Full PDB file with SEQRES, HELIX, SHEET, SSBOND, CRYST1, ORIGX, SCALE, CONECT and MASTER records, all heavy atoms in Angstrom:
SEQRES   1 A   33  TYR ASP TYR LYS GLY VAL LYS ALA LEU ALA ASP PRO ASP          
SEQRES   2 A   33  LEU GLY ASN GLU SER VAL ALA TYR ARG MET VAL ALA SER          
SEQRES   3 A   33  ILE GLU GLY ALA GLN VAL PRO                                  
SHEET    1 AA1 3 ASP A   2  ALA A   8  0                                        
SHEET    2 AA1 3 TYR A  21  ILE A  27 -1                                        
SHEET    3 AA1 3 ALA A  30  VAL A  32 -1                                        
CRYST1    1.000    1.000    1.000  90.00  90.00  90.00 P 1           1          
ORIGX1      1.000000  0.000000  0.000000        0.00000                         
ORIGX2      0.000000  1.000000  0.000000        0.00000                         
ORIGX3      0.000000  0.000000  1.000000        0.00000                         
SCALE1      1.000000  0.000000  0.000000        0.00000                         
SCALE2      0.000000  1.000000  0.000000        0.00000                         
SCALE3      0.000000  0.000000  1.000000        0.00000                         
ATOM      1  N   TYR A   1     119.893  94.818  99.373  1.00  0.00           N  
ATOM      2  CA  TYR A   1     118.802  94.245  98.601  1.00  0.00           C  
ATOM      3  C   TYR A   1     117.487  94.406  99.362  1.00  0.00           C  
ATOM      4  O   TYR A   1     117.465  94.513 100.602  1.00  0.00           O  
ATOM      5  CB  TYR A   1     119.052  92.761  98.319  1.00  0.00           C  
ATOM      6  CG  TYR A   1     120.198  92.530  97.375  1.00  0.00           C  
ATOM      7  CD1 TYR A   1     121.507  92.446  97.860  1.00  0.00           C  
ATOM      8  CD2 TYR A   1     119.990  92.405  96.011  1.00  0.00           C  
ATOM      9  CE1 TYR A   1     122.571  92.240  96.993  1.00  0.00           C  
ATOM     10  CE2 TYR A   1     121.057  92.187  95.133  1.00  0.00           C  
ATOM     11  CZ  TYR A   1     122.339  92.114  95.630  1.00  0.00           C  
ATOM     12  OH  TYR A   1     123.396  91.908  94.786  1.00  0.00           O  
ATOM     13  N   ASP A   2     116.384  94.403  98.611  1.00  0.00           N  
ATOM     14  CA  ASP A   2     115.063  94.581  99.220  1.00  0.00           C  
ATOM     15  C   ASP A   2     114.290  93.261  99.258  1.00  0.00           C  
ATOM     16  O   ASP A   2     114.346  92.462  98.310  1.00  0.00           O  
ATOM     17  CB  ASP A   2     114.253  95.611  98.419  1.00  0.00           C  
ATOM     18  CG  ASP A   2     114.837  97.006  98.515  1.00  0.00           C  
ATOM     19  OD1 ASP A   2     115.152  97.425  99.649  1.00  0.00           O  
ATOM     20  OD2 ASP A   2     114.988  97.677  97.472  1.00  0.00           O  
ATOM     21  N   TYR A   3     113.572  93.075 100.343  1.00  0.00           N  
ATOM     22  CA  TYR A   3     112.730  91.902 100.539  1.00  0.00           C  
ATOM     23  C   TYR A   3     111.338  92.404 100.927  1.00  0.00           C  
ATOM     24  O   TYR A   3     111.205  93.272 101.796  1.00  0.00           O  
ATOM     25  CB  TYR A   3     113.293  91.006 101.655  1.00  0.00           C  
ATOM     26  CG  TYR A   3     114.682  90.485 101.351  1.00  0.00           C  
ATOM     27  CD1 TYR A   3     115.799  91.297 101.531  1.00  0.00           C  
ATOM     28  CD2 TYR A   3     114.869  89.202 100.845  1.00  0.00           C  
ATOM     29  CE1 TYR A   3     117.071  90.832 101.224  1.00  0.00           C  
ATOM     30  CE2 TYR A   3     116.142  88.733 100.538  1.00  0.00           C  
ATOM     31  CZ  TYR A   3     117.234  89.557 100.728  1.00  0.00           C  
ATOM     32  OH  TYR A   3     118.496  89.105 100.419  1.00  0.00           O  
ATOM     33  N   LYS A   4     110.332  91.878 100.278  1.00  0.00           N  
ATOM     34  CA  LYS A   4     108.980  92.366 100.538  1.00  0.00           C  
ATOM     35  C   LYS A   4     108.002  91.192 100.642  1.00  0.00           C  
ATOM     36  O   LYS A   4     108.353  90.035 100.389  1.00  0.00           O  
ATOM     37  CB  LYS A   4     108.536  93.293  99.406  1.00  0.00           C  
ATOM     38  CG  LYS A   4     108.506  92.624  98.037  1.00  0.00           C  
ATOM     39  CD  LYS A   4     108.158  93.618  96.931  1.00  0.00           C  
ATOM     40  CE  LYS A   4     108.123  92.931  95.567  1.00  0.00           C  
ATOM     41  NZ  LYS A   4     107.796  93.876  94.481  1.00  0.00           N  
ATOM     42  N   GLY A   5     106.785  91.537 101.037  1.00  0.00           N  
ATOM     43  CA  GLY A   5     105.740  90.514 101.099  1.00  0.00           C  
ATOM     44  C   GLY A   5     105.982  89.437 102.124  1.00  0.00           C  
ATOM     45  O   GLY A   5     105.544  88.290 101.947  1.00  0.00           O  
ATOM     46  N   VAL A   6     106.662  89.782 103.219  1.00  0.00           N  
ATOM     47  CA  VAL A   6     106.879  88.789 104.295  1.00  0.00           C  
ATOM     48  C   VAL A   6     105.508  88.412 104.864  1.00  0.00           C  
ATOM     49  O   VAL A   6     104.735  89.266 105.278  1.00  0.00           O  
ATOM     50  CB  VAL A   6     107.774  89.354 105.403  1.00  0.00           C  
ATOM     51  CG1 VAL A   6     107.947  88.307 106.504  1.00  0.00           C  
ATOM     52  CG2 VAL A   6     109.124  89.763 104.838  1.00  0.00           C  
ATOM     53  N   LYS A   7     105.226  87.141 104.865  1.00  0.00           N  
ATOM     54  CA  LYS A   7     103.902  86.682 105.301  1.00  0.00           C  
ATOM     55  C   LYS A   7     104.021  85.374 106.076  1.00  0.00           C  
ATOM     56  O   LYS A   7     104.618  84.410 105.603  1.00  0.00           O  
ATOM     57  CB  LYS A   7     103.010  86.480 104.085  1.00  0.00           C  
ATOM     58  CG  LYS A   7     101.605  85.973 104.420  1.00  0.00           C  
ATOM     59  CD  LYS A   7     100.794  85.736 103.155  1.00  0.00           C  
ATOM     60  CE  LYS A   7      99.404  85.191 103.478  1.00  0.00           C  
ATOM     61  NZ  LYS A   7      98.628  84.934 102.244  1.00  0.00           N  
ATOM     62  N   ALA A   8     103.439  85.355 107.272  1.00  0.00           N  
ATOM     63  CA  ALA A   8     103.405  84.132 108.055  1.00  0.00           C  
ATOM     64  C   ALA A   8     102.428  83.153 107.420  1.00  0.00           C  
ATOM     65  O   ALA A   8     101.331  83.529 106.992  1.00  0.00           O  
ATOM     66  CB  ALA A   8     102.978  84.434 109.495  1.00  0.00           C  
ATOM     67  N   LEU A   9     102.841  81.889 107.346  1.00  0.00           N  
ATOM     68  CA  LEU A   9     101.988  80.836 106.809  1.00  0.00           C  
ATOM     69  C   LEU A   9     101.435  79.992 107.953  1.00  0.00           C  
ATOM     70  O   LEU A   9     101.824  80.150 109.107  1.00  0.00           O  
ATOM     71  CB  LEU A   9     102.795  79.961 105.845  1.00  0.00           C  
ATOM     72  CG  LEU A   9     103.430  80.681 104.659  1.00  0.00           C  
ATOM     73  CD1 LEU A   9     104.256  79.694 103.831  1.00  0.00           C  
ATOM     74  CD2 LEU A   9     102.376  81.350 103.792  1.00  0.00           C  
ATOM     75  N   ALA A  10     100.536  79.094 107.629  1.00  0.00           N  
ATOM     76  CA  ALA A  10      99.952  78.225 108.649  1.00  0.00           C  
ATOM     77  C   ALA A  10     101.046  77.393 109.323  1.00  0.00           C  
ATOM     78  O   ALA A  10     101.988  76.948 108.656  1.00  0.00           O  
ATOM     79  CB  ALA A  10      98.911  77.305 108.023  1.00  0.00           C  
ATOM     80  N   ASP A  11     100.916  77.209 110.619  1.00  0.00           N  
ATOM     81  CA  ASP A  11     101.877  76.402 111.382  1.00  0.00           C  
ATOM     82  C   ASP A  11     101.904  74.990 110.822  1.00  0.00           C  
ATOM     83  O   ASP A  11     100.863  74.316 110.767  1.00  0.00           O  
ATOM     84  CB  ASP A  11     101.458  76.393 112.854  1.00  0.00           C  
ATOM     85  CG  ASP A  11     102.471  75.699 113.750  1.00  0.00           C  
ATOM     86  OD1 ASP A  11     103.332  74.956 113.225  1.00  0.00           O  
ATOM     87  OD2 ASP A  11     102.394  75.892 114.976  1.00  0.00           O  
ATOM     88  N   PRO A  12     103.070  74.495 110.410  1.00  0.00           N  
ATOM     89  CA  PRO A  12     103.167  73.121 109.883  1.00  0.00           C  
ATOM     90  C   PRO A  12     102.877  72.062 110.942  1.00  0.00           C  
ATOM     91  O   PRO A  12     102.670  70.889 110.607  1.00  0.00           O  
ATOM     92  CB  PRO A  12     104.618  73.022 109.405  1.00  0.00           C  
ATOM     93  CG  PRO A  12     105.092  74.427 109.274  1.00  0.00           C  
ATOM     94  CD  PRO A  12     104.362  75.204 110.321  1.00  0.00           C  
ATOM     95  N   ASP A  13     102.903  72.467 112.198  1.00  0.00           N  
ATOM     96  CA  ASP A  13     102.635  71.555 113.323  1.00  0.00           C  
ATOM     97  C   ASP A  13     103.583  70.357 113.285  1.00  0.00           C  
ATOM     98  O   ASP A  13     103.165  69.201 113.303  1.00  0.00           O  
ATOM     99  CB  ASP A  13     101.177  71.094 113.294  1.00  0.00           C  
ATOM    100  CG  ASP A  13     100.758  70.429 114.604  1.00  0.00           C  
ATOM    101  OD1 ASP A  13     101.391  70.708 115.640  1.00  0.00           O  
ATOM    102  OD2 ASP A  13      99.800  69.628 114.592  1.00  0.00           O  
ATOM    103  N   LEU A  14     104.875  70.661 113.255  1.00  0.00           N  
ATOM    104  CA  LEU A  14     105.904  69.624 113.223  1.00  0.00           C  
ATOM    105  C   LEU A  14     106.817  69.763 114.431  1.00  0.00           C  
ATOM    106  O   LEU A  14     106.977  70.839 114.988  1.00  0.00           O  
ATOM    107  CB  LEU A  14     106.722  69.736 111.940  1.00  0.00           C  
ATOM    108  CG  LEU A  14     105.986  69.510 110.621  1.00  0.00           C  
ATOM    109  CD1 LEU A  14     106.865  69.924 109.451  1.00  0.00           C  
ATOM    110  CD2 LEU A  14     105.573  68.048 110.481  1.00  0.00           C  
ATOM    111  N   GLY A  15     107.462  68.640 114.814  1.00  0.00           N  
ATOM    112  CA  GLY A  15     108.405  68.665 115.933  1.00  0.00           C  
ATOM    113  C   GLY A  15     107.758  69.152 117.212  1.00  0.00           C  
ATOM    114  O   GLY A  15     106.560  68.958 117.450  1.00  0.00           O  
ATOM    115  N   ASN A  16     108.562  69.798 118.066  1.00  0.00           N  
ATOM    116  CA  ASN A  16     108.036  70.376 119.296  1.00  0.00           C  
ATOM    117  C   ASN A  16     107.260  71.657 119.020  1.00  0.00           C  
ATOM    118  O   ASN A  16     106.275  71.967 119.681  1.00  0.00           O  
ATOM    119  CB  ASN A  16     109.168  70.676 120.281  1.00  0.00           C  
ATOM    120  CG  ASN A  16     109.867  69.418 120.743  1.00  0.00           C  
ATOM    121  OD1 ASN A  16     111.051  69.222 120.484  1.00  0.00           O  
ATOM    122  ND2 ASN A  16     109.144  68.522 121.403  1.00  0.00           N  
ATOM    123  N   GLU A  17     107.710  72.414 118.024  1.00  0.00           N  
ATOM    124  CA  GLU A  17     107.023  73.621 117.567  1.00  0.00           C  
ATOM    125  C   GLU A  17     107.622  74.021 116.230  1.00  0.00           C  
ATOM    126  O   GLU A  17     108.747  73.628 115.897  1.00  0.00           O  
ATOM    127  CB  GLU A  17     107.142  74.763 118.575  1.00  0.00           C  
ATOM    128  CG  GLU A  17     108.548  75.139 118.964  1.00  0.00           C  
ATOM    129  CD  GLU A  17     108.582  76.273 119.981  1.00  0.00           C  
ATOM    130  OE1 GLU A  17     107.632  77.074 120.025  1.00  0.00           O  
ATOM    131  OE2 GLU A  17     109.560  76.335 120.750  1.00  0.00           O  
ATOM    132  N   SER A  18     106.888  74.799 115.450  1.00  0.00           N  
ATOM    133  CA  SER A  18     107.368  75.137 114.112  1.00  0.00           C  
ATOM    134  C   SER A  18     106.746  76.442 113.622  1.00  0.00           C  
ATOM    135  O   SER A  18     105.697  76.880 114.120  1.00  0.00           O  
ATOM    136  CB  SER A  18     107.045  74.011 113.129  1.00  0.00           C  
ATOM    137  OG  SER A  18     105.655  73.684 113.174  1.00  0.00           O  
ATOM    138  N   VAL A  19     107.392  77.065 112.659  1.00  0.00           N  
ATOM    139  CA  VAL A  19     106.876  78.260 111.997  1.00  0.00           C  
ATOM    140  C   VAL A  19     107.155  78.133 110.510  1.00  0.00           C  
ATOM    141  O   VAL A  19     108.085  77.442 110.085  1.00  0.00           O  
ATOM    142  CB  VAL A  19     107.528  79.563 112.527  1.00  0.00           C  
ATOM    143  CG1 VAL A  19     107.169  79.800 113.986  1.00  0.00           C  
ATOM    144  CG2 VAL A  19     109.040  79.534 112.340  1.00  0.00           C  
ATOM    145  N   ALA A  20     106.325  78.805 109.710  1.00  0.00           N  
ATOM    146  CA  ALA A  20     106.510  78.822 108.259  1.00  0.00           C  
ATOM    147  C   ALA A  20     106.151  80.215 107.753  1.00  0.00           C  
ATOM    148  O   ALA A  20     105.244  80.858 108.277  1.00  0.00           O  
ATOM    149  CB  ALA A  20     105.650  77.762 107.590  1.00  0.00           C  
ATOM    150  N   TYR A  21     106.872  80.677 106.740  1.00  0.00           N  
ATOM    151  CA  TYR A  21     106.593  81.982 106.182  1.00  0.00           C  
ATOM    152  C   TYR A  21     107.178  82.066 104.779  1.00  0.00           C  
ATOM    153  O   TYR A  21     107.934  81.192 104.348  1.00  0.00           O  
ATOM    154  CB  TYR A  21     107.170  83.101 107.057  1.00  0.00           C  
ATOM    155  CG  TYR A  21     108.651  83.032 107.306  1.00  0.00           C  
ATOM    156  CD1 TYR A  21     109.546  83.766 106.528  1.00  0.00           C  
ATOM    157  CD2 TYR A  21     109.167  82.235 108.329  1.00  0.00           C  
ATOM    158  CE1 TYR A  21     110.919  83.697 106.766  1.00  0.00           C  
ATOM    159  CE2 TYR A  21     110.534  82.171 108.571  1.00  0.00           C  
ATOM    160  CZ  TYR A  21     111.400  82.909 107.790  1.00  0.00           C  
ATOM    161  OH  TYR A  21     112.751  82.841 108.011  1.00  0.00           O  
ATOM    162  N   ARG A  22     106.823  83.122 104.056  1.00  0.00           N  
ATOM    163  CA  ARG A  22     107.352  83.335 102.716  1.00  0.00           C  
ATOM    164  C   ARG A  22     107.594  84.817 102.501  1.00  0.00           C  
ATOM    165  O   ARG A  22     107.137  85.670 103.263  1.00  0.00           O  
ATOM    166  CB  ARG A  22     106.420  82.781 101.643  1.00  0.00           C  
ATOM    167  CG  ARG A  22     105.062  83.434 101.579  1.00  0.00           C  
ATOM    168  CD  ARG A  22     104.290  82.966 100.351  1.00  0.00           C  
ATOM    169  NE  ARG A  22     104.937  83.421  99.134  1.00  0.00           N  
ATOM    170  CZ  ARG A  22     104.641  82.950  97.913  1.00  0.00           C  
ATOM    171  NH1 ARG A  22     103.743  82.022  97.776  1.00  0.00           N  
ATOM    172  NH2 ARG A  22     105.253  83.437  96.846  1.00  0.00           N  
ATOM    173  N   MET A  23     108.311  85.150 101.424  1.00  0.00           N  
ATOM    174  CA  MET A  23     108.611  86.522 101.070  1.00  0.00           C  
ATOM    175  C   MET A  23     109.037  86.561  99.602  1.00  0.00           C  
ATOM    176  O   MET A  23     109.119  85.514  98.946  1.00  0.00           O  
ATOM    177  CB  MET A  23     109.744  87.073 101.941  1.00  0.00           C  
ATOM    178  CG  MET A  23     111.095  86.454 101.633  1.00  0.00           C  
ATOM    179  SD  MET A  23     112.409  87.016 102.716  1.00  0.00           S  
ATOM    180  CE  MET A  23     112.049  86.058 104.173  1.00  0.00           C  
ATOM    181  N   VAL A  24     109.310  87.767  99.099  1.00  0.00           N  
ATOM    182  CA  VAL A  24     109.827  87.917  97.741  1.00  0.00           C  
ATOM    183  C   VAL A  24     111.121  88.722  97.820  1.00  0.00           C  
ATOM    184  O   VAL A  24     111.144  89.832  98.366  1.00  0.00           O  
ATOM    185  CB  VAL A  24     108.820  88.634  96.821  1.00  0.00           C  
ATOM    186  CG1 VAL A  24     109.430  88.837  95.438  1.00  0.00           C  
ATOM    187  CG2 VAL A  24     107.525  87.842  96.718  1.00  0.00           C  
ATOM    188  N   ALA A  25     112.191  88.161  97.288  1.00  0.00           N  
ATOM    189  CA  ALA A  25     113.493  88.822  97.287  1.00  0.00           C  
ATOM    190  C   ALA A  25     113.750  89.480  95.938  1.00  0.00           C  
ATOM    191  O   ALA A  25     113.494  88.872  94.898  1.00  0.00           O  
ATOM    192  CB  ALA A  25     114.595  87.812  97.585  1.00  0.00           C  
ATOM    193  N   SER A  26     114.213  90.714  95.956  1.00  0.00           N  
ATOM    194  CA  SER A  26     114.591  91.409  94.727  1.00  0.00           C  
ATOM    195  C   SER A  26     116.091  91.218  94.515  1.00  0.00           C  
ATOM    196  O   SER A  26     116.904  91.831  95.212  1.00  0.00           O  
ATOM    197  CB  SER A  26     114.263  92.908  94.829  1.00  0.00           C  
ATOM    198  OG  SER A  26     112.872  93.093  94.990  1.00  0.00           O  
ATOM    199  N   ILE A  27     116.457  90.354  93.565  1.00  0.00           N  
ATOM    200  CA  ILE A  27     117.850  89.993  93.363  1.00  0.00           C  
ATOM    201  C   ILE A  27     118.264  90.312  91.935  1.00  0.00           C  
ATOM    202  O   ILE A  27     117.769  89.700  90.982  1.00  0.00           O  
ATOM    203  CB  ILE A  27     118.076  88.499  93.656  1.00  0.00           C  
ATOM    204  CG1 ILE A  27     117.666  88.181  95.091  1.00  0.00           C  
ATOM    205  CG2 ILE A  27     119.523  88.114  93.421  1.00  0.00           C  
ATOM    206  CD1 ILE A  27     117.740  86.723  95.452  1.00  0.00           C  
ATOM    207  N   GLU A  28     119.135  91.294  91.782  1.00  0.00           N  
ATOM    208  CA  GLU A  28     119.637  91.673  90.471  1.00  0.00           C  
ATOM    209  C   GLU A  28     118.504  91.896  89.467  1.00  0.00           C  
ATOM    210  O   GLU A  28     118.558  91.442  88.315  1.00  0.00           O  
ATOM    211  CB  GLU A  28     120.612  90.616  89.945  1.00  0.00           C  
ATOM    212  CG  GLU A  28     121.808  90.345  90.850  1.00  0.00           C  
ATOM    213  CD  GLU A  28     122.684  91.581  91.059  1.00  0.00           C  
ATOM    214  OE1 GLU A  28     122.646  92.495  90.216  1.00  0.00           O  
ATOM    215  OE2 GLU A  28     123.402  91.635  92.074  1.00  0.00           O  
ATOM    216  N   GLY A  29     117.442  92.552  89.920  1.00  0.00           N  
ATOM    217  CA  GLY A  29     116.322  92.857  89.045  1.00  0.00           C  
ATOM    218  C   GLY A  29     115.272  91.770  88.949  1.00  0.00           C  
ATOM    219  O   GLY A  29     114.183  91.983  88.405  1.00  0.00           O  
ATOM    220  N   ALA A  30     115.573  90.580  89.481  1.00  0.00           N  
ATOM    221  CA  ALA A  30     114.615  89.464  89.445  1.00  0.00           C  
ATOM    222  C   ALA A  30     113.837  89.403  90.758  1.00  0.00           C  
ATOM    223  O   ALA A  30     114.384  89.654  91.832  1.00  0.00           O  
ATOM    224  CB  ALA A  30     115.353  88.155  89.214  1.00  0.00           C  
ATOM    225  N   GLN A  31     112.546  89.089  90.650  1.00  0.00           N  
ATOM    226  CA  GLN A  31     111.710  88.912  91.839  1.00  0.00           C  
ATOM    227  C   GLN A  31     111.660  87.427  92.164  1.00  0.00           C  
ATOM    228  O   GLN A  31     111.062  86.637  91.417  1.00  0.00           O  
ATOM    229  CB  GLN A  31     110.306  89.465  91.577  1.00  0.00           C  
ATOM    230  CG  GLN A  31     110.275  90.935  91.170  1.00  0.00           C  
ATOM    231  CD  GLN A  31     110.897  91.834  92.225  1.00  0.00           C  
ATOM    232  OE1 GLN A  31     110.458  91.856  93.374  1.00  0.00           O  
ATOM    233  NE2 GLN A  31     111.921  92.588  91.838  1.00  0.00           N  
ATOM    234  N   VAL A  32     112.304  87.040  93.236  1.00  0.00           N  
ATOM    235  CA  VAL A  32     112.446  85.611  93.580  1.00  0.00           C  
ATOM    236  C   VAL A  32     111.666  85.296  94.855  1.00  0.00           C  
ATOM    237  O   VAL A  32     112.042  85.719  95.951  1.00  0.00           O  
ATOM    238  CB  VAL A  32     113.928  85.239  93.780  1.00  0.00           C  
ATOM    239  CG1 VAL A  32     114.070  83.754  94.055  1.00  0.00           C  
ATOM    240  CG2 VAL A  32     114.745  85.645  92.564  1.00  0.00           C  
ATOM    241  N   PRO A  33     110.551  84.559  94.751  1.00  0.00           N  
ATOM    242  CA  PRO A  33     109.806  84.165  95.942  1.00  0.00           C  
ATOM    243  C   PRO A  33     110.560  83.081  96.718  1.00  0.00           C  
ATOM    244  O   PRO A  33     111.142  82.168  96.120  1.00  0.00           O  
ATOM    245  CB  PRO A  33     108.487  83.635  95.396  1.00  0.00           C  
ATOM    246  CG  PRO A  33     108.719  83.347  93.960  1.00  0.00           C  
ATOM    247  CD  PRO A  33     109.913  84.104  93.510  1.00  0.00           C  
TER     248      PRO A  33                                                      
MASTER        0    0    0    0    3    0    0    6  247    1    0    3          
END                                                                             
């Protein structure tokens, strides 16, 4: 399967350290963010 549009988001600034990001998954013809 293909995944596109991987993008780092603003640090949520939680816990000791954190990361956030998003992408779009191509699943059985559907584009699922």
